[in-house]
N, C-alpha and C. Protein backbone atom coordinates (compact mmCIF):
# COMPACT_ATOMS: atom_id res chain seq x y z
N UNK A 1 -70.72 -69.56 84.02
CA UNK A 1 -71.10 -69.73 85.40
C UNK A 1 -70.76 -71.16 85.80
N UNK A 2 -70.11 -71.29 86.93
CA UNK A 2 -69.72 -72.60 87.44
C UNK A 2 -70.93 -73.35 87.98
N UNK A 3 -70.77 -74.67 88.11
CA UNK A 3 -71.86 -75.54 88.55
C UNK A 3 -72.37 -75.15 89.94
N UNK A 4 -71.45 -74.88 90.86
CA UNK A 4 -71.85 -74.54 92.23
C UNK A 4 -72.61 -73.22 92.28
N UNK A 5 -72.15 -72.25 91.50
CA UNK A 5 -72.83 -70.96 91.45
C UNK A 5 -74.23 -71.11 90.85
N UNK A 6 -74.33 -71.96 89.82
CA UNK A 6 -75.63 -72.19 89.21
C UNK A 6 -76.58 -72.87 90.20
N UNK A 7 -76.09 -73.85 90.94
CA UNK A 7 -76.93 -74.54 91.92
C UNK A 7 -77.44 -73.58 92.99
N UNK A 8 -76.58 -72.68 93.43
CA UNK A 8 -76.98 -71.67 94.41
C UNK A 8 -78.07 -70.77 93.82
N UNK A 9 -77.84 -70.32 92.60
CA UNK A 9 -78.81 -69.47 91.91
C UNK A 9 -80.14 -70.21 91.75
N UNK A 10 -80.08 -71.47 91.35
CA UNK A 10 -81.30 -72.27 91.15
C UNK A 10 -82.09 -72.40 92.46
N UNK A 11 -81.38 -72.64 93.56
CA UNK A 11 -82.05 -72.75 94.86
C UNK A 11 -82.74 -71.43 95.23
N UNK A 12 -82.11 -70.31 94.90
CA UNK A 12 -82.69 -69.01 95.21
C UNK A 12 -83.93 -68.71 94.34
N UNK A 13 -83.87 -69.09 93.07
CA UNK A 13 -84.94 -68.76 92.13
C UNK A 13 -86.11 -69.74 92.19
N UNK A 14 -85.87 -70.96 92.65
CA UNK A 14 -86.86 -72.02 92.61
C UNK A 14 -88.22 -71.65 93.24
N UNK A 15 -88.26 -71.07 94.45
CA UNK A 15 -89.57 -70.73 95.04
C UNK A 15 -90.37 -69.75 94.18
N UNK A 16 -89.69 -68.77 93.60
CA UNK A 16 -90.39 -67.79 92.77
C UNK A 16 -90.87 -68.41 91.46
N UNK A 17 -90.05 -69.28 90.87
CA UNK A 17 -90.45 -69.97 89.63
C UNK A 17 -91.65 -70.86 89.91
N UNK A 18 -91.64 -71.55 91.03
CA UNK A 18 -92.74 -72.43 91.40
C UNK A 18 -94.02 -71.63 91.61
N UNK A 19 -93.91 -70.51 92.27
CA UNK A 19 -95.07 -69.66 92.52
C UNK A 19 -95.67 -69.17 91.20
N UNK A 20 -94.83 -68.70 90.30
CA UNK A 20 -95.30 -68.23 89.00
C UNK A 20 -95.93 -69.38 88.20
N UNK A 21 -95.31 -70.53 88.23
CA UNK A 21 -95.84 -71.70 87.51
C UNK A 21 -97.20 -72.12 88.07
N UNK A 22 -97.34 -72.07 89.38
CA UNK A 22 -98.63 -72.43 90.00
C UNK A 22 -99.73 -71.49 89.56
N UNK A 23 -99.42 -70.19 89.47
CA UNK A 23 -100.42 -69.21 89.06
C UNK A 23 -100.93 -69.48 87.65
N UNK A 24 -100.03 -69.90 86.77
CA UNK A 24 -100.43 -70.18 85.40
C UNK A 24 -101.10 -71.53 85.25
N UNK A 25 -100.48 -72.57 85.80
CA UNK A 25 -100.87 -73.94 85.48
C UNK A 25 -101.86 -74.57 86.44
N UNK A 26 -101.96 -74.06 87.64
CA UNK A 26 -102.90 -74.53 88.67
C UNK A 26 -102.57 -75.91 89.24
N UNK A 27 -102.15 -76.86 88.43
CA UNK A 27 -101.85 -78.20 88.92
C UNK A 27 -100.43 -78.27 89.46
N UNK A 28 -100.29 -78.82 90.67
CA UNK A 28 -98.99 -78.86 91.34
C UNK A 28 -97.95 -79.64 90.53
N UNK A 29 -98.34 -80.79 90.02
CA UNK A 29 -97.36 -81.61 89.29
C UNK A 29 -96.89 -80.91 88.02
N UNK A 30 -97.81 -80.23 87.34
CA UNK A 30 -97.43 -79.49 86.14
C UNK A 30 -96.54 -78.30 86.49
N UNK A 31 -96.83 -77.65 87.60
CA UNK A 31 -96.01 -76.52 88.04
C UNK A 31 -94.59 -77.00 88.36
N UNK A 32 -94.49 -78.14 89.05
CA UNK A 32 -93.17 -78.71 89.37
C UNK A 32 -92.39 -79.05 88.10
N UNK A 33 -93.09 -79.64 87.13
CA UNK A 33 -92.45 -79.95 85.85
C UNK A 33 -91.95 -78.70 85.17
N UNK A 34 -92.74 -77.64 85.26
CA UNK A 34 -92.36 -76.38 84.62
C UNK A 34 -91.13 -75.77 85.29
N UNK A 35 -91.04 -75.92 86.60
CA UNK A 35 -89.85 -75.44 87.31
C UNK A 35 -88.61 -76.17 86.78
N UNK A 36 -88.73 -77.48 86.65
CA UNK A 36 -87.60 -78.27 86.14
C UNK A 36 -87.24 -77.88 84.71
N UNK A 37 -88.27 -77.67 83.87
CA UNK A 37 -88.01 -77.26 82.49
C UNK A 37 -87.32 -75.90 82.44
N UNK A 38 -87.76 -74.99 83.29
CA UNK A 38 -87.16 -73.65 83.33
C UNK A 38 -85.70 -73.73 83.76
N UNK A 39 -85.45 -74.49 84.82
CA UNK A 39 -84.07 -74.61 85.30
C UNK A 39 -83.19 -75.33 84.28
N UNK A 40 -83.77 -76.27 83.55
CA UNK A 40 -83.01 -76.95 82.50
C UNK A 40 -82.64 -75.97 81.39
N UNK A 41 -83.58 -75.11 81.02
CA UNK A 41 -83.28 -74.09 79.99
C UNK A 41 -82.15 -73.18 80.48
N UNK A 42 -82.24 -72.79 81.74
CA UNK A 42 -81.17 -71.94 82.30
C UNK A 42 -79.84 -72.67 82.29
N UNK A 43 -79.86 -73.95 82.64
CA UNK A 43 -78.63 -74.74 82.68
C UNK A 43 -77.99 -74.78 81.29
N UNK A 44 -78.81 -74.90 80.25
CA UNK A 44 -78.25 -74.99 78.89
C UNK A 44 -77.59 -73.68 78.45
N UNK A 45 -77.97 -72.58 79.06
CA UNK A 45 -77.36 -71.29 78.69
C UNK A 45 -76.52 -70.71 79.82
N UNK A 46 -76.12 -71.57 80.75
CA UNK A 46 -75.40 -71.08 81.93
C UNK A 46 -74.12 -70.32 81.58
N UNK A 47 -73.48 -70.66 80.47
CA UNK A 47 -72.24 -69.98 80.09
C UNK A 47 -72.49 -68.50 79.79
N UNK A 48 -73.70 -68.17 79.33
CA UNK A 48 -74.01 -66.78 79.00
C UNK A 48 -74.65 -66.02 80.15
N UNK A 49 -74.99 -66.69 81.23
CA UNK A 49 -75.71 -66.03 82.32
C UNK A 49 -74.93 -64.90 82.98
N UNK A 50 -73.60 -65.00 82.98
CA UNK A 50 -72.80 -63.94 83.59
C UNK A 50 -72.94 -62.63 82.82
N UNK A 51 -73.30 -62.72 81.54
CA UNK A 51 -73.43 -61.53 80.70
C UNK A 51 -74.84 -60.95 80.74
N UNK A 52 -75.78 -61.69 81.30
CA UNK A 52 -77.19 -61.25 81.34
C UNK A 52 -77.35 -60.19 82.43
N UNK A 53 -78.06 -59.12 82.09
CA UNK A 53 -78.26 -58.03 83.02
C UNK A 53 -79.09 -58.47 84.22
N UNK A 54 -80.19 -59.19 83.98
CA UNK A 54 -81.05 -59.66 85.06
C UNK A 54 -81.41 -61.12 84.83
N UNK A 55 -80.73 -61.99 85.53
CA UNK A 55 -80.98 -63.43 85.41
C UNK A 55 -82.40 -63.73 85.89
N UNK A 56 -82.85 -63.03 86.90
CA UNK A 56 -84.19 -63.25 87.44
C UNK A 56 -85.24 -62.91 86.38
N UNK A 57 -85.09 -61.80 85.69
CA UNK A 57 -86.05 -61.41 84.64
C UNK A 57 -86.04 -62.44 83.51
N UNK A 58 -84.86 -62.89 83.11
CA UNK A 58 -84.75 -63.91 82.07
C UNK A 58 -85.44 -65.20 82.52
N UNK A 59 -85.21 -65.58 83.76
CA UNK A 59 -85.81 -66.80 84.31
C UNK A 59 -87.33 -66.71 84.30
N UNK A 60 -87.87 -65.58 84.72
CA UNK A 60 -89.32 -65.41 84.74
C UNK A 60 -89.89 -65.42 83.32
N UNK A 61 -89.16 -64.84 82.38
CA UNK A 61 -89.63 -64.84 80.98
C UNK A 61 -89.66 -66.27 80.44
N UNK A 62 -88.61 -67.02 80.71
CA UNK A 62 -88.57 -68.42 80.26
C UNK A 62 -89.71 -69.20 80.90
N UNK A 63 -89.88 -69.03 82.20
CA UNK A 63 -90.94 -69.73 82.93
C UNK A 63 -92.31 -69.38 82.37
N UNK A 64 -92.56 -68.10 82.18
CA UNK A 64 -93.84 -67.65 81.64
C UNK A 64 -94.10 -68.24 80.26
N UNK A 65 -93.09 -68.21 79.40
CA UNK A 65 -93.27 -68.73 78.05
C UNK A 65 -93.50 -70.24 78.04
N UNK A 66 -92.82 -70.95 78.91
CA UNK A 66 -93.06 -72.39 79.02
C UNK A 66 -94.48 -72.67 79.51
N UNK A 67 -94.95 -71.88 80.46
CA UNK A 67 -96.33 -72.03 80.95
C UNK A 67 -97.32 -71.79 79.82
N UNK A 68 -97.11 -70.75 79.06
CA UNK A 68 -98.01 -70.42 77.95
C UNK A 68 -98.01 -71.55 76.92
N UNK A 69 -96.84 -72.09 76.63
CA UNK A 69 -96.75 -73.21 75.69
C UNK A 69 -97.54 -74.41 76.19
N UNK A 70 -97.43 -74.68 77.48
CA UNK A 70 -98.16 -75.81 78.06
C UNK A 70 -99.66 -75.56 78.01
N UNK A 71 -100.08 -74.34 78.28
CA UNK A 71 -101.50 -74.02 78.22
C UNK A 71 -102.04 -74.13 76.80
N UNK A 72 -101.24 -73.73 75.83
CA UNK A 72 -101.66 -73.85 74.43
C UNK A 72 -101.82 -75.32 74.04
N UNK A 73 -100.90 -76.15 74.52
CA UNK A 73 -100.96 -77.57 74.18
C UNK A 73 -102.17 -78.26 74.78
N UNK A 74 -102.70 -77.72 75.87
CA UNK A 74 -103.89 -78.29 76.48
C UNK A 74 -105.09 -78.24 75.55
N UNK A 75 -105.11 -77.25 74.66
CA UNK A 75 -106.25 -77.05 73.78
C UNK A 75 -106.23 -77.96 72.56
N UNK A 76 -105.14 -78.65 72.33
CA UNK A 76 -105.07 -79.57 71.20
C UNK A 76 -105.21 -80.98 71.72
N UNK A 77 -105.92 -81.78 70.97
CA UNK A 77 -106.12 -83.17 71.35
C UNK A 77 -105.43 -84.02 70.29
N UNK A 78 -104.28 -84.61 70.63
CA UNK A 78 -103.58 -85.41 69.63
C UNK A 78 -104.39 -86.66 69.27
N UNK A 79 -104.44 -86.93 67.98
CA UNK A 79 -105.17 -88.10 67.50
C UNK A 79 -104.34 -88.77 66.41
N UNK A 80 -104.53 -90.04 66.28
CA UNK A 80 -103.92 -90.76 65.17
C UNK A 80 -104.71 -90.44 63.92
N UNK A 81 -104.06 -90.52 62.78
CA UNK A 81 -104.73 -90.24 61.52
C UNK A 81 -105.94 -91.14 61.33
N UNK A 82 -105.82 -92.39 61.71
CA UNK A 82 -106.95 -93.31 61.54
C UNK A 82 -108.16 -92.86 62.37
N UNK A 83 -107.92 -92.31 63.57
CA UNK A 83 -109.01 -91.78 64.39
C UNK A 83 -109.66 -90.57 63.73
N UNK A 84 -108.83 -89.70 63.14
CA UNK A 84 -109.35 -88.51 62.48
C UNK A 84 -110.25 -88.91 61.32
N UNK A 85 -109.83 -89.90 60.55
CA UNK A 85 -110.61 -90.32 59.39
C UNK A 85 -111.94 -90.92 59.83
N UNK A 86 -111.94 -91.67 60.92
CA UNK A 86 -113.18 -92.26 61.40
C UNK A 86 -114.15 -91.20 61.90
N UNK A 87 -113.63 -90.09 62.41
CA UNK A 87 -114.49 -89.06 62.98
C UNK A 87 -115.18 -88.19 61.94
N UNK A 88 -114.61 -88.07 60.78
CA UNK A 88 -115.19 -87.20 59.76
C UNK A 88 -115.92 -88.03 58.72
N UNK A 89 -116.84 -87.40 58.06
CA UNK A 89 -117.58 -88.12 57.02
C UNK A 89 -116.66 -88.36 55.84
N UNK A 90 -117.10 -89.21 54.92
CA UNK A 90 -116.27 -89.49 53.74
C UNK A 90 -116.09 -88.23 52.92
N UNK A 91 -117.05 -87.31 52.97
CA UNK A 91 -116.93 -86.05 52.24
C UNK A 91 -115.77 -85.22 52.78
N UNK A 92 -115.58 -85.23 54.10
CA UNK A 92 -114.54 -84.43 54.73
C UNK A 92 -113.18 -85.13 54.81
N UNK A 93 -113.13 -86.42 54.53
CA UNK A 93 -111.88 -87.15 54.70
C UNK A 93 -110.79 -86.64 53.76
N UNK A 94 -111.17 -86.20 52.56
CA UNK A 94 -110.18 -85.64 51.63
C UNK A 94 -109.56 -84.37 52.20
N UNK A 95 -110.40 -83.55 52.82
CA UNK A 95 -109.90 -82.32 53.43
C UNK A 95 -108.94 -82.63 54.57
N UNK A 96 -109.28 -83.64 55.37
CA UNK A 96 -108.45 -84.00 56.52
C UNK A 96 -107.09 -84.53 56.05
N UNK A 97 -107.10 -85.33 55.01
CA UNK A 97 -105.84 -85.85 54.47
C UNK A 97 -104.99 -84.73 53.90
N UNK A 98 -105.65 -83.77 53.28
CA UNK A 98 -104.92 -82.62 52.73
C UNK A 98 -104.28 -81.81 53.85
N UNK A 99 -104.99 -81.62 54.95
CA UNK A 99 -104.44 -80.90 56.10
C UNK A 99 -103.22 -81.62 56.66
N UNK A 100 -103.31 -82.94 56.74
CA UNK A 100 -102.19 -83.75 57.24
C UNK A 100 -100.98 -83.59 56.32
N UNK A 101 -101.21 -83.65 55.00
CA UNK A 101 -100.13 -83.47 54.03
C UNK A 101 -99.52 -82.07 54.15
N UNK A 102 -100.36 -81.06 54.34
CA UNK A 102 -99.86 -79.68 54.48
C UNK A 102 -98.98 -79.55 55.71
N UNK A 103 -99.40 -80.16 56.82
CA UNK A 103 -98.61 -80.10 58.05
C UNK A 103 -97.27 -80.79 57.85
N UNK A 104 -97.27 -81.93 57.19
CA UNK A 104 -96.01 -82.65 56.92
C UNK A 104 -95.11 -81.84 56.00
N UNK A 105 -95.71 -81.21 54.96
CA UNK A 105 -94.95 -80.39 54.04
C UNK A 105 -94.28 -79.23 54.79
N UNK A 106 -95.06 -78.57 55.65
CA UNK A 106 -94.52 -77.45 56.40
C UNK A 106 -93.37 -77.88 57.30
N UNK A 107 -93.54 -78.98 58.01
CA UNK A 107 -92.47 -79.47 58.89
C UNK A 107 -91.21 -79.81 58.10
N UNK A 108 -91.39 -80.47 56.95
CA UNK A 108 -90.24 -80.81 56.10
C UNK A 108 -89.52 -79.56 55.62
N UNK A 109 -90.29 -78.54 55.24
CA UNK A 109 -89.68 -77.32 54.73
C UNK A 109 -89.04 -76.48 55.82
N UNK A 110 -89.59 -76.52 57.02
CA UNK A 110 -88.93 -75.85 58.15
C UNK A 110 -87.60 -76.53 58.42
N UNK A 111 -87.60 -77.86 58.38
CA UNK A 111 -86.36 -78.62 58.61
C UNK A 111 -85.34 -78.35 57.50
N UNK A 112 -85.81 -77.93 56.32
CA UNK A 112 -84.92 -77.64 55.21
C UNK A 112 -84.35 -76.24 55.20
N UNK A 113 -84.75 -75.42 56.16
CA UNK A 113 -84.20 -74.05 56.25
C UNK A 113 -82.75 -74.11 56.72
N UNK A 114 -81.99 -73.05 56.46
CA UNK A 114 -80.65 -72.99 57.06
C UNK A 114 -80.75 -73.14 58.58
N UNK A 115 -79.76 -73.75 59.19
CA UNK A 115 -79.80 -74.12 60.61
C UNK A 115 -80.17 -72.95 61.52
N UNK A 116 -79.56 -71.79 61.31
CA UNK A 116 -79.82 -70.64 62.18
C UNK A 116 -81.28 -70.18 62.06
N UNK A 117 -81.77 -70.11 60.81
CA UNK A 117 -83.15 -69.69 60.60
C UNK A 117 -84.12 -70.68 61.23
N UNK A 118 -83.86 -71.97 61.04
CA UNK A 118 -84.73 -73.00 61.61
C UNK A 118 -84.75 -72.89 63.13
N UNK A 119 -83.58 -72.75 63.75
CA UNK A 119 -83.51 -72.68 65.21
C UNK A 119 -84.27 -71.47 65.73
N UNK A 120 -84.07 -70.33 65.13
CA UNK A 120 -84.71 -69.10 65.58
C UNK A 120 -86.22 -69.17 65.35
N UNK A 121 -86.65 -69.71 64.20
CA UNK A 121 -88.08 -69.85 63.93
C UNK A 121 -88.74 -70.77 64.94
N UNK A 122 -88.10 -71.87 65.26
CA UNK A 122 -88.68 -72.81 66.23
C UNK A 122 -88.71 -72.20 67.64
N UNK A 123 -87.66 -71.47 68.01
CA UNK A 123 -87.64 -70.84 69.33
C UNK A 123 -88.78 -69.82 69.44
N UNK A 124 -89.05 -69.15 68.33
CA UNK A 124 -90.12 -68.15 68.32
C UNK A 124 -91.49 -68.80 68.29
N UNK A 125 -91.71 -69.71 67.35
CA UNK A 125 -93.04 -70.27 67.14
C UNK A 125 -93.39 -71.39 68.11
N UNK A 126 -92.48 -72.32 68.34
CA UNK A 126 -92.80 -73.47 69.18
C UNK A 126 -92.57 -73.19 70.66
N UNK A 127 -91.46 -72.52 70.97
CA UNK A 127 -91.15 -72.26 72.37
C UNK A 127 -91.79 -70.99 72.89
N UNK A 128 -92.27 -70.14 71.97
CA UNK A 128 -92.96 -68.92 72.39
C UNK A 128 -92.03 -67.86 72.95
N UNK A 129 -90.75 -67.91 72.60
CA UNK A 129 -89.81 -66.91 73.12
C UNK A 129 -89.93 -65.61 72.34
N UNK A 130 -89.73 -64.52 73.02
CA UNK A 130 -89.71 -63.21 72.39
C UNK A 130 -88.37 -63.03 71.69
N UNK A 131 -88.30 -62.08 70.75
CA UNK A 131 -87.05 -61.83 70.02
C UNK A 131 -85.91 -61.49 70.97
N UNK A 132 -86.19 -60.70 72.00
CA UNK A 132 -85.14 -60.31 72.94
C UNK A 132 -84.62 -61.53 73.71
N UNK A 133 -85.51 -62.46 74.04
CA UNK A 133 -85.09 -63.67 74.76
C UNK A 133 -84.25 -64.56 73.86
N UNK A 134 -84.66 -64.69 72.60
CA UNK A 134 -83.89 -65.49 71.65
C UNK A 134 -82.51 -64.88 71.49
N UNK A 135 -82.46 -63.57 71.37
CA UNK A 135 -81.18 -62.88 71.21
C UNK A 135 -80.27 -63.15 72.41
N UNK A 136 -80.84 -63.10 73.60
CA UNK A 136 -80.06 -63.35 74.81
C UNK A 136 -79.55 -64.78 74.87
N UNK A 137 -80.43 -65.72 74.56
CA UNK A 137 -80.06 -67.13 74.61
C UNK A 137 -78.96 -67.45 73.61
N UNK A 138 -79.09 -66.90 72.39
CA UNK A 138 -78.12 -67.22 71.34
C UNK A 138 -76.91 -66.28 71.32
N UNK A 139 -76.99 -65.22 72.12
CA UNK A 139 -75.86 -64.29 72.16
C UNK A 139 -75.72 -63.47 70.89
N UNK A 140 -76.86 -63.12 70.28
CA UNK A 140 -76.87 -62.30 69.07
C UNK A 140 -77.78 -61.10 69.31
N UNK A 141 -77.78 -60.16 68.36
CA UNK A 141 -78.62 -58.97 68.54
C UNK A 141 -80.07 -59.27 68.16
N UNK A 142 -80.97 -58.42 68.67
CA UNK A 142 -82.38 -58.57 68.33
C UNK A 142 -82.61 -58.34 66.84
N UNK A 143 -81.82 -57.44 66.26
CA UNK A 143 -81.93 -57.16 64.83
C UNK A 143 -81.60 -58.43 64.04
N UNK A 144 -80.59 -59.16 64.48
CA UNK A 144 -80.22 -60.41 63.81
C UNK A 144 -81.35 -61.42 63.94
N UNK A 145 -81.99 -61.48 65.09
CA UNK A 145 -83.12 -62.40 65.29
C UNK A 145 -84.26 -62.02 64.35
N UNK A 146 -84.62 -60.72 64.32
CA UNK A 146 -85.72 -60.28 63.45
C UNK A 146 -85.41 -60.56 61.99
N UNK A 147 -84.16 -60.33 61.58
CA UNK A 147 -83.76 -60.57 60.20
C UNK A 147 -83.87 -62.04 59.86
N UNK A 148 -83.39 -62.91 60.76
CA UNK A 148 -83.45 -64.35 60.51
C UNK A 148 -84.89 -64.83 60.44
N UNK A 149 -85.75 -64.32 61.33
CA UNK A 149 -87.17 -64.70 61.29
C UNK A 149 -87.82 -64.25 59.99
N UNK A 150 -87.51 -63.06 59.57
CA UNK A 150 -88.07 -62.52 58.33
C UNK A 150 -87.62 -63.37 57.14
N UNK A 151 -86.33 -63.70 57.10
CA UNK A 151 -85.81 -64.52 56.00
C UNK A 151 -86.43 -65.92 56.01
N UNK A 152 -86.58 -66.50 57.20
CA UNK A 152 -87.17 -67.84 57.30
C UNK A 152 -88.61 -67.82 56.80
N UNK A 153 -89.38 -66.84 57.23
CA UNK A 153 -90.77 -66.74 56.80
C UNK A 153 -90.88 -66.48 55.30
N UNK A 154 -90.02 -65.60 54.80
CA UNK A 154 -90.01 -65.30 53.37
C UNK A 154 -89.65 -66.55 52.58
N UNK A 155 -88.67 -67.28 53.05
CA UNK A 155 -88.24 -68.52 52.40
C UNK A 155 -89.39 -69.52 52.35
N UNK A 156 -90.08 -69.69 53.46
CA UNK A 156 -91.23 -70.61 53.49
C UNK A 156 -92.36 -70.13 52.59
N UNK A 157 -92.60 -68.83 52.55
CA UNK A 157 -93.66 -68.28 51.70
C UNK A 157 -93.33 -68.53 50.23
N UNK A 158 -92.08 -68.32 49.84
CA UNK A 158 -91.69 -68.56 48.44
C UNK A 158 -91.88 -70.03 48.08
N UNK A 159 -91.51 -70.92 48.98
CA UNK A 159 -91.69 -72.35 48.73
C UNK A 159 -93.17 -72.70 48.62
N UNK A 160 -93.99 -72.08 49.46
CA UNK A 160 -95.43 -72.33 49.42
C UNK A 160 -96.03 -71.85 48.10
N UNK A 161 -95.61 -70.68 47.64
CA UNK A 161 -96.10 -70.17 46.37
C UNK A 161 -95.72 -71.10 45.24
N UNK A 162 -94.46 -71.56 45.24
CA UNK A 162 -94.02 -72.51 44.19
C UNK A 162 -94.83 -73.79 44.26
N UNK A 163 -95.10 -74.26 45.47
CA UNK A 163 -95.88 -75.50 45.63
C UNK A 163 -97.29 -75.34 45.08
N UNK A 164 -97.91 -74.20 45.35
CA UNK A 164 -99.28 -73.97 44.90
C UNK A 164 -99.38 -73.72 43.40
N UNK A 165 -98.27 -73.26 42.77
CA UNK A 165 -98.27 -73.03 41.33
C UNK A 165 -98.08 -74.34 40.56
N UNK A 166 -97.58 -75.35 41.22
CA UNK A 166 -97.32 -76.63 40.55
C UNK A 166 -98.59 -77.40 40.30
């Protein structure tokens, strides 16, 4: 899709994306940010948009998933490790450090997956995209997405088992 065609499409979709974002996020500034994030995602896949059956449906799915991700992030309160340690008793500090190590281990092992598996796993888990959306974005079949997710999870599980046996 050419730049001018994309700009026209973006102008047409923007009011509906904004309306959907407002319904989810309630705050105007967050809704505006979500519109920009949605259009940016569309821009990154603009070459494949001509092949998409319904660009509007894809846009709404992306918008909805971005809203859900933002709502999920609202429930977490980022803290520095030093703050976490101060908040828990000395009895619980070992547990907190172990949780931090586990999170770091998981992130390192996700980064160590083959590139395709890592990308698909992150699109599914972090971005909240459905298998069909991932397939559309990457231009692959849903079966390929499911297979890659299964292999990535299996790979991580095997590494976890080996780690726990050590």
